[in-house]
Amino acid sequence: TVIVQAYQYAENLGELDVEFNDQGQVVGYEGRLI
């Protein structure tokens, strides 16, 4: 399970790229705060 949060006060926009296999399981991710 991948968890993200983007801090506060409209300072950051969170971006998460997540990859699923054909069983609906997470097999990869990449995240950042802008």
PDB file of all heavy atoms in Angstrom:
ATOM      1  N   THR A   1       0.859  -1.183   0.000  1.00  0.00           N
ATOM      2  CA  THR A   1       0.000   0.000   0.000  1.00  0.00           C
ATOM      3  C   THR A   1       0.892   1.228   0.000  1.00  0.00           C
ATOM      4  O   THR A   1       1.771   1.361   0.853  1.00  0.00           O
ATOM      5  CB  THR A   1      -0.917   0.034   1.239  1.00  0.00           C
ATOM      6  OG1 THR A   1      -1.722  -1.137   1.272  1.00  0.00           O
ATOM      7  CG2 THR A   1      -1.807   1.272   1.215  1.00  0.00           C
ATOM      8  N   VAL A   2       0.679   2.128  -0.956  1.00  0.00           N
ATOM      9  CA  VAL A   2       1.487   3.345  -1.088  1.00  0.00           C
ATOM     10  C   VAL A   2       0.741   4.506  -0.420  1.00  0.00           C
ATOM     11  O   VAL A   2      -0.435   4.736  -0.697  1.00  0.00           O
ATOM     12  CB  VAL A   2       1.749   3.675  -2.569  1.00  0.00           C
ATOM     13  CG1 VAL A   2       2.601   4.935  -2.695  1.00  0.00           C
ATOM     14  CG2 VAL A   2       2.448   2.499  -3.260  1.00  0.00           C
ATOM     15  N   ILE A   3       1.433   5.235   0.468  1.00  0.00           N
ATOM     16  CA  ILE A   3       0.825   6.353   1.195  1.00  0.00           C
ATOM     17  C   ILE A   3       1.508   7.655   0.785  1.00  0.00           C
ATOM     18  O   ILE A   3       2.739   7.738   0.755  1.00  0.00           O
ATOM     19  CB  ILE A   3       0.955   6.176   2.721  1.00  0.00           C
ATOM     20  CG1 ILE A   3       0.369   4.834   3.166  1.00  0.00           C
ATOM     21  CG2 ILE A   3       0.265   7.326   3.448  1.00  0.00           C
ATOM     22  CD1 ILE A   3       0.569   4.546   4.653  1.00  0.00           C
ATOM     23  N   VAL A   4       0.696   8.680   0.486  1.00  0.00           N
ATOM     24  CA  VAL A   4       1.229  10.002   0.138  1.00  0.00           C
ATOM     25  C   VAL A   4       0.489  11.082   0.914  1.00  0.00           C
ATOM     26  O   VAL A   4      -0.655  10.901   1.340  1.00  0.00           O
ATOM     27  CB  VAL A   4       1.120  10.285  -1.379  1.00  0.00           C
ATOM     28  CG1 VAL A   4       2.011   9.349  -2.168  1.00  0.00           C
ATOM     29  CG2 VAL A   4      -0.330  10.167  -1.865  1.00  0.00           C
ATOM     30  N   GLN A   5       1.158  12.206   1.114  1.00  0.00           N
ATOM     31  CA  GLN A   5       0.532  13.390   1.706  1.00  0.00           C
ATOM     32  C   GLN A   5       1.372  14.596   1.302  1.00  0.00           C
ATOM     33  O   GLN A   5       2.599  14.498   1.191  1.00  0.00           O
ATOM     34  CB  GLN A   5       0.416  13.281   3.233  1.00  0.00           C
ATOM     35  CG  GLN A   5      -0.499  14.351   3.812  1.00  0.00           C
ATOM     36  CD  GLN A   5      -0.773  14.198   5.312  1.00  0.00           C
ATOM     37  OE1 GLN A   5      -0.891  15.177   6.031  1.00  0.00           O
ATOM     38  NE2 GLN A   5      -0.864  12.965   5.790  1.00  0.00           N
ATOM     39  N   ALA A   6       0.733  15.744   1.112  1.00  0.00           N
ATOM     40  CA  ALA A   6       1.404  16.895   0.485  1.00  0.00           C
ATOM     41  C   ALA A   6       1.507  18.118   1.391  1.00  0.00           C
ATOM     42  O   ALA A   6       1.402  19.252   0.938  1.00  0.00           O
ATOM     43  CB  ALA A   6       0.691  17.276  -0.820  1.00  0.00           C
ATOM     44  N   TYR A   7       1.719  17.884   2.702  1.00  0.00           N
ATOM     45  CA  TYR A   7       2.038  18.955   3.637  1.00  0.00           C
ATOM     46  C   TYR A   7       0.841  19.858   3.918  1.00  0.00           C
ATOM     47  O   TYR A   7      -0.174  19.386   4.422  1.00  0.00           O
ATOM     48  CB  TYR A   7       3.251  19.727   3.140  1.00  0.00           C
ATOM     49  CG  TYR A   7       3.991  20.550   4.172  1.00  0.00           C
ATOM     50  CD1 TYR A   7       4.035  20.174   5.507  1.00  0.00           C
ATOM     51  CD2 TYR A   7       4.672  21.710   3.804  1.00  0.00           C
ATOM     52  CE1 TYR A   7       4.735  20.923   6.441  1.00  0.00           C
ATOM     53  CE2 TYR A   7       5.381  22.466   4.734  1.00  0.00           C
ATOM     54  CZ  TYR A   7       5.412  22.070   6.046  1.00  0.00           C
ATOM     55  OH  TYR A   7       6.109  22.814   6.957  1.00  0.00           O
ATOM     56  N   GLN A   8       0.887  21.144   3.562  1.00  0.00           N
ATOM     57  CA  GLN A   8      -0.118  22.080   4.053  1.00  0.00           C
ATOM     58  C   GLN A   8      -0.118  23.392   3.260  1.00  0.00           C
ATOM     59  O   GLN A   8       0.800  23.704   2.517  1.00  0.00           O
ATOM     60  CB  GLN A   8       0.174  22.413   5.520  1.00  0.00           C
ATOM     61  CG  GLN A   8       1.516  23.111   5.698  1.00  0.00           C
ATOM     62  CD  GLN A   8       1.884  23.363   7.146  1.00  0.00           C
ATOM     63  OE1 GLN A   8       1.227  22.880   8.053  1.00  0.00           O
ATOM     64  NE2 GLN A   8       2.929  24.133   7.379  1.00  0.00           N
ATOM     65  N   TYR A   9      -1.205  24.171   3.492  1.00  0.00           N
ATOM     66  CA  TYR A   9      -1.311  25.572   3.091  1.00  0.00           C
ATOM     67  C   TYR A   9      -1.078  25.819   1.603  1.00  0.00           C
ATOM     68  O   TYR A   9      -0.590  26.882   1.211  1.00  0.00           O
ATOM     69  CB  TYR A   9      -0.353  26.445   3.915  1.00  0.00           C
ATOM     70  CG  TYR A   9      -0.510  26.308   5.413  1.00  0.00           C
ATOM     71  CD1 TYR A   9       0.549  26.578   6.279  1.00  0.00           C
ATOM     72  CD2 TYR A   9      -1.715  25.884   5.968  1.00  0.00           C
ATOM     73  CE1 TYR A   9       0.406  26.455   7.655  1.00  0.00           C
ATOM     74  CE2 TYR A   9      -1.871  25.747   7.339  1.00  0.00           C
ATOM     75  CZ  TYR A   9      -0.803  26.035   8.182  1.00  0.00           C
ATOM     76  OH  TYR A   9      -0.942  25.897   9.530  1.00  0.00           O
ATOM     77  N   ALA A  10      -1.413  24.841   0.760  1.00  0.00           N
ATOM     78  CA  ALA A  10      -1.286  24.970  -0.699  1.00  0.00           C
ATOM     79  C   ALA A  10       0.143  25.259  -1.132  1.00  0.00           C
ATOM     80  O   ALA A  10       0.380  25.874  -2.170  1.00  0.00           O
ATOM     81  CB  ALA A  10      -2.239  26.054  -1.229  1.00  0.00           C
ATOM     82  N   GLU A  11       1.113  24.794  -0.359  1.00  0.00           N
ATOM     83  CA  GLU A  11       2.515  24.992  -0.721  1.00  0.00           C
ATOM     84  C   GLU A  11       2.992  23.986  -1.759  1.00  0.00           C
ATOM     85  O   GLU A  11       3.905  24.269  -2.529  1.00  0.00           O
ATOM     86  CB  GLU A  11       3.405  24.871   0.518  1.00  0.00           C
ATOM     87  CG  GLU A  11       3.202  25.961   1.543  1.00  0.00           C
ATOM     88  CD  GLU A  11       4.066  25.751   2.765  1.00  0.00           C
ATOM     89  OE1 GLU A  11       5.087  25.033   2.657  1.00  0.00           O
ATOM     90  OE2 GLU A  11       3.732  26.279   3.830  1.00  0.00           O
ATOM     91  N   ASN A  12       2.396  22.793  -1.741  1.00  0.00           N
ATOM     92  CA  ASN A  12       2.858  21.720  -2.616  1.00  0.00           C
ATOM     93  C   ASN A  12       1.688  21.036  -3.317  1.00  0.00           C
ATOM     94  O   ASN A  12       0.602  20.890  -2.748  1.00  0.00           O
ATOM     95  CB  ASN A  12       3.610  20.653  -1.818  1.00  0.00           C
ATOM     96  CG  ASN A  12       4.854  21.196  -1.146  1.00  0.00           C
ATOM     97  OD1 ASN A  12       5.875  21.398  -1.786  1.00  0.00           O
ATOM     98  ND2 ASN A  12       4.754  21.439   0.140  1.00  0.00           N
ATOM     99  N   LEU A  13       1.948  20.594  -4.531  1.00  0.00           N
ATOM    100  CA  LEU A  13       1.057  19.678  -5.224  1.00  0.00           C
ATOM    101  C   LEU A  13       1.755  18.327  -5.255  1.00  0.00           C
ATOM    102  O   LEU A  13       2.886  18.210  -5.731  1.00  0.00           O
ATOM    103  CB  LEU A  13       0.792  20.155  -6.654  1.00  0.00           C
ATOM    104  CG  LEU A  13      -0.024  19.189  -7.538  1.00  0.00           C
ATOM    105  CD1 LEU A  13      -1.462  19.077  -7.037  1.00  0.00           C
ATOM    106  CD2 LEU A  13       0.020  19.623  -8.992  1.00  0.00           C
ATOM    107  N   GLY A  14       1.092  17.306  -4.726  1.00  0.00           N
ATOM    108  CA  GLY A  14       1.667  15.971  -4.767  1.00  0.00           C
ATOM    109  C   GLY A  14       1.402  15.317  -6.112  1.00  0.00           C
ATOM    110  O   GLY A  14       0.340  15.496  -6.707  1.00  0.00           O
ATOM    111  N   GLU A  15       2.391  14.550  -6.587  1.00  0.00           N
ATOM    112  CA  GLU A  15       2.226  13.781  -7.820  1.00  0.00           C
ATOM    113  C   GLU A  15       2.707  12.363  -7.563  1.00  0.00           C
ATOM    114  O   GLU A  15       3.830  12.151  -7.095  1.00  0.00           O
ATOM    115  CB  GLU A  15       3.015  14.397  -8.975  1.00  0.00           C
ATOM    116  CG  GLU A  15       2.868  13.613 -10.279  1.00  0.00           C
ATOM    117  CD  GLU A  15       3.725  14.149 -11.409  1.00  0.00           C
ATOM    118  OE1 GLU A  15       4.437  15.153 -11.188  1.00  0.00           O
ATOM    119  OE2 GLU A  15       3.702  13.561 -12.501  1.00  0.00           O
ATOM    120  N   LEU A  16       1.859  11.393  -7.851  1.00  0.00           N
ATOM    121  CA  LEU A  16       2.198   9.982  -7.676  1.00  0.00           C
ATOM    122  C   LEU A  16       1.914   9.235  -8.966  1.00  0.00           C
ATOM    123  O   LEU A  16       0.804   9.292  -9.497  1.00  0.00           O
ATOM    124  CB  LEU A  16       1.368   9.364  -6.540  1.00  0.00           C
ATOM    125  CG  LEU A  16       1.501   7.847  -6.364  1.00  0.00           C
ATOM    126  CD1 LEU A  16       2.899   7.471  -5.886  1.00  0.00           C
ATOM    127  CD2 LEU A  16       0.446   7.313  -5.401  1.00  0.00           C
ATOM    128  N   ASP A  17       2.928   8.540  -9.482  1.00  0.00           N
ATOM    129  CA  ASP A  17       2.760   7.622 -10.605  1.00  0.00           C
ATOM    130  C   ASP A  17       2.839   6.210 -10.041  1.00  0.00           C
ATOM    131  O   ASP A  17       3.859   5.831  -9.449  1.00  0.00           O
ATOM    132  CB  ASP A  17       3.860   7.832 -11.650  1.00  0.00           C
ATOM    133  CG  ASP A  17       3.820   9.221 -12.254  1.00  0.00           C
ATOM    134  OD1 ASP A  17       2.732   9.667 -12.634  1.00  0.00           O
ATOM    135  OD2 ASP A  17       4.884   9.860 -12.326  1.00  0.00           O
ATOM    136  N   VAL A  18       1.767   5.456 -10.196  1.00  0.00           N
ATOM    137  CA  VAL A  18       1.715   4.112  -9.633  1.00  0.00           C
ATOM    138  C   VAL A  18       1.381   3.112 -10.730  1.00  0.00           C
ATOM    139  O   VAL A  18       0.578   3.397 -11.622  1.00  0.00           O
ATOM    140  CB  VAL A  18       0.693   4.045  -8.473  1.00  0.00           C
ATOM    141  CG1 VAL A  18      -0.703   4.385  -8.939  1.00  0.00           C
ATOM    142  CG2 VAL A  18       0.715   2.701  -7.783  1.00  0.00           C
ATOM    143  N   GLU A  19       2.013   1.945 -10.687  1.00  0.00           N
ATOM    144  CA  GLU A  19       1.844   0.923 -11.714  1.00  0.00           C
ATOM    145  C   GLU A  19       1.222  -0.328 -11.107  1.00  0.00           C
ATOM    146  O   GLU A  19       1.653  -0.795 -10.045  1.00  0.00           O
ATOM    147  CB  GLU A  19       3.201   0.598 -12.348  1.00  0.00           C
ATOM    148  CG  GLU A  19       3.122  -0.318 -13.549  1.00  0.00           C
ATOM    149  CD  GLU A  19       4.470  -0.487 -14.239  1.00  0.00           C
ATOM    150  OE1 GLU A  19       5.430   0.201 -13.838  1.00  0.00           O
ATOM    151  OE2 GLU A  19       4.550  -1.310 -15.175  1.00  0.00           O
ATOM    152  N   PHE A  20       0.214  -0.871 -11.784  1.00  0.00           N
ATOM    153  CA  PHE A  20      -0.498  -2.066 -11.334  1.00  0.00           C
ATOM    154  C   PHE A  20      -0.261  -3.206 -12.326  1.00  0.00           C
ATOM    155  O   PHE A  20      -0.195  -2.983 -13.542  1.00  0.00           O
ATOM    156  CB  PHE A  20      -2.007  -1.814 -11.257  1.00  0.00           C
ATOM    157  CG  PHE A  20      -2.409  -0.738 -10.292  1.00  0.00           C
ATOM    158  CD1 PHE A  20      -2.461   0.604 -10.688  1.00  0.00           C
ATOM    159  CD2 PHE A  20      -2.764  -1.044  -8.988  1.00  0.00           C
ATOM    160  CE1 PHE A  20      -2.854   1.597  -9.809  1.00  0.00           C
ATOM    161  CE2 PHE A  20      -3.157  -0.056  -8.096  1.00  0.00           C
ATOM    162  CZ  PHE A  20      -3.201   1.261  -8.507  1.00  0.00           C
ATOM    163  N   ASN A  21      -0.201  -4.446 -11.805  1.00  0.00           N
ATOM    164  CA  ASN A  21      -0.195  -5.593 -12.712  1.00  0.00           C
ATOM    165  C   ASN A  21      -1.629  -6.002 -13.023  1.00  0.00           C
ATOM    166  O   ASN A  21      -2.589  -5.353 -12.580  1.00  0.00           O
ATOM    167  CB  ASN A  21       0.614  -6.756 -12.122  1.00  0.00           C
ATOM    168  CG  ASN A  21       0.015  -7.303 -10.823  1.00  0.00           C
ATOM    169  OD1 ASN A  21      -1.150  -7.053 -10.504  1.00  0.00           O
ATOM    170  ND2 ASN A  21       0.811  -8.057 -10.079  1.00  0.00           N
ATOM    171  N   ASP A  22      -1.797  -7.099 -13.777  1.00  0.00           N
ATOM    172  CA  ASP A  22      -3.147  -7.471 -14.195  1.00  0.00           C
ATOM    173  C   ASP A  22      -3.988  -8.035 -13.066  1.00  0.00           C
ATOM    174  O   ASP A  22      -5.181  -8.285 -13.236  1.00  0.00           O
ATOM    175  CB  ASP A  22      -3.097  -8.460 -15.370  1.00  0.00           C
ATOM    176  CG  ASP A  22      -2.341  -9.736 -15.009  1.00  0.00           C
ATOM    177  OD1 ASP A  22      -1.829  -9.835 -13.872  1.00  0.00           O
ATOM    178  OD2 ASP A  22      -2.265 -10.630 -15.871  1.00  0.00           O
ATOM    179  N   GLN A  23      -3.374  -8.224 -11.879  1.00  0.00           N
ATOM    180  CA  GLN A  23      -4.121  -8.655 -10.701  1.00  0.00           C
ATOM    181  C   GLN A  23      -4.542  -7.472  -9.820  1.00  0.00           C
ATOM    182  O   GLN A  23      -5.133  -7.660  -8.761  1.00  0.00           O
ATOM    183  CB  GLN A  23      -3.261  -9.622  -9.870  1.00  0.00           C
ATOM    184  CG  GLN A  23      -2.827 -10.879 -10.614  1.00  0.00           C
ATOM    185  CD  GLN A  23      -4.004 -11.709 -11.067  1.00  0.00           C
ATOM    186  OE1 GLN A  23      -4.911 -11.996 -10.275  1.00  0.00           O
ATOM    187  NE2 GLN A  23      -4.019 -12.089 -12.341  1.00  0.00           N
ATOM    188  N   GLY A  24      -4.213  -6.256 -10.254  1.00  0.00           N
ATOM    189  CA  GLY A  24      -4.560  -5.070  -9.476  1.00  0.00           C
ATOM    190  C   GLY A  24      -3.598  -4.791  -8.341  1.00  0.00           C
ATOM    191  O   GLY A  24      -3.897  -3.972  -7.466  1.00  0.00           O
ATOM    192  N   GLN A  25      -2.435  -5.428  -8.355  1.00  0.00           N
ATOM    193  CA  GLN A  25      -1.440  -5.203  -7.311  1.00  0.00           C
ATOM    194  C   GLN A  25      -0.453  -4.123  -7.750  1.00  0.00           C
ATOM    195  O   GLN A  25      -0.101  -4.026  -8.926  1.00  0.00           O
ATOM    196  CB  GLN A  25      -0.674  -6.504  -7.024  1.00  0.00           C
ATOM    197  CG  GLN A  25      -1.557  -7.629  -6.528  1.00  0.00           C
ATOM    198  CD  GLN A  25      -0.832  -8.959  -6.575  1.00  0.00           C
ATOM    199  OE1 GLN A  25      -0.104  -9.251  -7.529  1.00  0.00           O
ATOM    200  NE2 GLN A  25      -1.032  -9.777  -5.548  1.00  0.00           N
ATOM    201  N   VAL A  26      -0.009  -3.321  -6.776  1.00  0.00           N
ATOM    202  CA  VAL A  26       0.987  -2.294  -7.062  1.00  0.00           C
ATOM    203  C   VAL A  26       2.335  -2.967  -7.295  1.00  0.00           C
ATOM    204  O   VAL A  26       2.822  -3.721  -6.445  1.00  0.00           O
ATOM    205  CB  VAL A  26       1.095  -1.294  -5.901  1.00  0.00           C
ATOM    206  CG1 VAL A  26       2.228  -0.298  -6.154  1.00  0.00           C
ATOM    207  CG2 VAL A  26      -0.215  -0.543  -5.704  1.00  0.00           C
ATOM    208  N   VAL A  27       2.936  -2.703  -8.450  1.00  0.00           N
ATOM    209  CA  VAL A  27       4.239  -3.287  -8.769  1.00  0.00           C
ATOM    210  C   VAL A  27       5.312  -2.225  -8.957  1.00  0.00           C
ATOM    211  O   VAL A  27       6.482  -2.555  -9.145  1.00  0.00           O
ATOM    212  CB  VAL A  27       4.151  -4.179 -10.037  1.00  0.00           C
ATOM    213  CG1 VAL A  27       3.282  -5.388  -9.773  1.00  0.00           C
ATOM    214  CG2 VAL A  27       3.618  -3.380 -11.225  1.00  0.00           C
ATOM    215  N   GLY A  28       4.938  -0.971  -8.893  1.00  0.00           N
ATOM    216  CA  GLY A  28       5.920   0.101  -8.999  1.00  0.00           C
ATOM    217  C   GLY A  28       5.290   1.441  -8.689  1.00  0.00           C
ATOM    218  O   GLY A  28       4.073   1.596  -8.781  1.00  0.00           O
ATOM    219  N   TYR A  29       6.111   2.395  -8.272  1.00  0.00           N
ATOM    220  CA  TYR A  29       5.583   3.726  -7.975  1.00  0.00           C
ATOM    221  C   TYR A  29       6.708   4.741  -8.075  1.00  0.00           C
ATOM    222  O   TYR A  29       7.896   4.412  -7.988  1.00  0.00           O
ATOM    223  CB  TYR A  29       4.985   3.781  -6.566  1.00  0.00           C
ATOM    224  CG  TYR A  29       6.035   3.729  -5.484  1.00  0.00           C
ATOM    225  CD1 TYR A  29       6.574   4.894  -4.952  1.00  0.00           C
ATOM    226  CD2 TYR A  29       6.526   2.504  -5.027  1.00  0.00           C
ATOM    227  CE1 TYR A  29       7.554   4.850  -3.980  1.00  0.00           C
ATOM    228  CE2 TYR A  29       7.504   2.453  -4.056  1.00  0.00           C
ATOM    229  CZ  TYR A  29       8.022   3.633  -3.531  1.00  0.00           C
ATOM    230  OH  TYR A  29       8.997   3.581  -2.583  1.00  0.00           O
ATOM    231  N   GLU A  30       6.325   5.989  -8.241  1.00  0.00           N
ATOM    232  CA  GLU A  30       7.245   7.118  -8.164  1.00  0.00           C
ATOM    233  C   GLU A  30       6.457   8.330  -7.711  1.00  0.00           C
ATOM    234  O   GLU A  30       5.393   8.628  -8.258  1.00  0.00           O
ATOM    235  CB  GLU A  30       7.912   7.386  -9.510  1.00  0.00           C
ATOM    236  CG  GLU A  30       8.960   8.492  -9.457  1.00  0.00           C
ATOM    237  CD  GLU A  30       9.722   8.645 -10.767  1.00  0.00           C
ATOM    238  OE1 GLU A  30       9.380   7.933 -11.730  1.00  0.00           O
ATOM    239  OE2 GLU A  30      10.637   9.495 -10.817  1.00  0.00           O
ATOM    240  N   GLY A  31       6.928   9.011  -6.688  1.00  0.00           N
ATOM    241  CA  GLY A  31       6.190  10.148  -6.149  1.00  0.00           C
ATOM    242  C   GLY A  31       7.085  11.327  -5.848  1.00  0.00           C
ATOM    243  O   GLY A  31       8.282  11.177  -5.612  1.00  0.00           O
ATOM    244  N   ARG A  32       6.496  12.507  -5.854  1.00  0.00           N
ATOM    245  CA  ARG A  32       7.237  13.728  -5.532  1.00  0.00           C
ATOM    246  C   ARG A  32       6.267  14.809  -5.092  1.00  0.00           C
ATOM    247  O   ARG A  32       5.050  14.697  -5.290  1.00  0.00           O
ATOM    248  CB  ARG A  32       8.033  14.215  -6.741  1.00  0.00           C
ATOM    249  CG  ARG A  32       7.153  14.626  -7.930  1.00  0.00           C
ATOM    250  CD  ARG A  32       7.971  15.252  -9.049  1.00  0.00           C
ATOM    251  NE  ARG A  32       7.151  15.615 -10.190  1.00  0.00           N
ATOM    252  CZ  ARG A  32       7.364  16.696 -10.930  1.00  0.00           C
ATOM    253  NH1 ARG A  32       8.358  17.510 -10.638  1.00  0.00           N
ATOM    254  NH2 ARG A  32       6.596  16.964 -11.974  1.00  0.00           N
ATOM    255  N   LEU A  33       6.810  15.849  -4.472  1.00  0.00           N
ATOM    256  CA  LEU A  33       6.055  17.052  -4.154  1.00  0.00           C
ATOM    257  C   LEU A  33       6.548  18.184  -5.043  1.00  0.00           C
ATOM    258  O   LEU A  33       7.753  18.416  -5.155  1.00  0.00           O
ATOM    259  CB  LEU A  33       6.221  17.435  -2.680  1.00  0.00           C
ATOM    260  CG  LEU A  33       5.699  16.440  -1.645  1.00  0.00           C
ATOM    261  CD1 LEU A  33       5.879  17.005  -0.239  1.00  0.00           C
ATOM    262  CD2 LEU A  33       4.237  16.101  -1.891  1.00  0.00           C
ATOM    263  N   ILE A  34       5.620  18.877  -5.656  1.00  0.00           N
ATOM    264  CA  ILE A  34       5.945  20.010  -6.524  1.00  0.00           C
ATOM    265  C   ILE A  34       5.756  21.293  -5.716  1.00  0.00           C
ATOM    266  O   ILE A  34       4.671  21.557  -5.193  1.00  0.00           O
ATOM    267  CB  ILE A  34       5.034  20.031  -7.761  1.00  0.00           C
ATOM    268  CG1 ILE A  34       5.192  18.736  -8.561  1.00  0.00           C
ATOM    269  CG2 ILE A  34       5.328  21.243  -8.630  1.00  0.00           C
ATOM    270  CD1 ILE A  34       4.151  18.554  -9.648  1.00  0.00           C
TER     271      ILE A  34
END
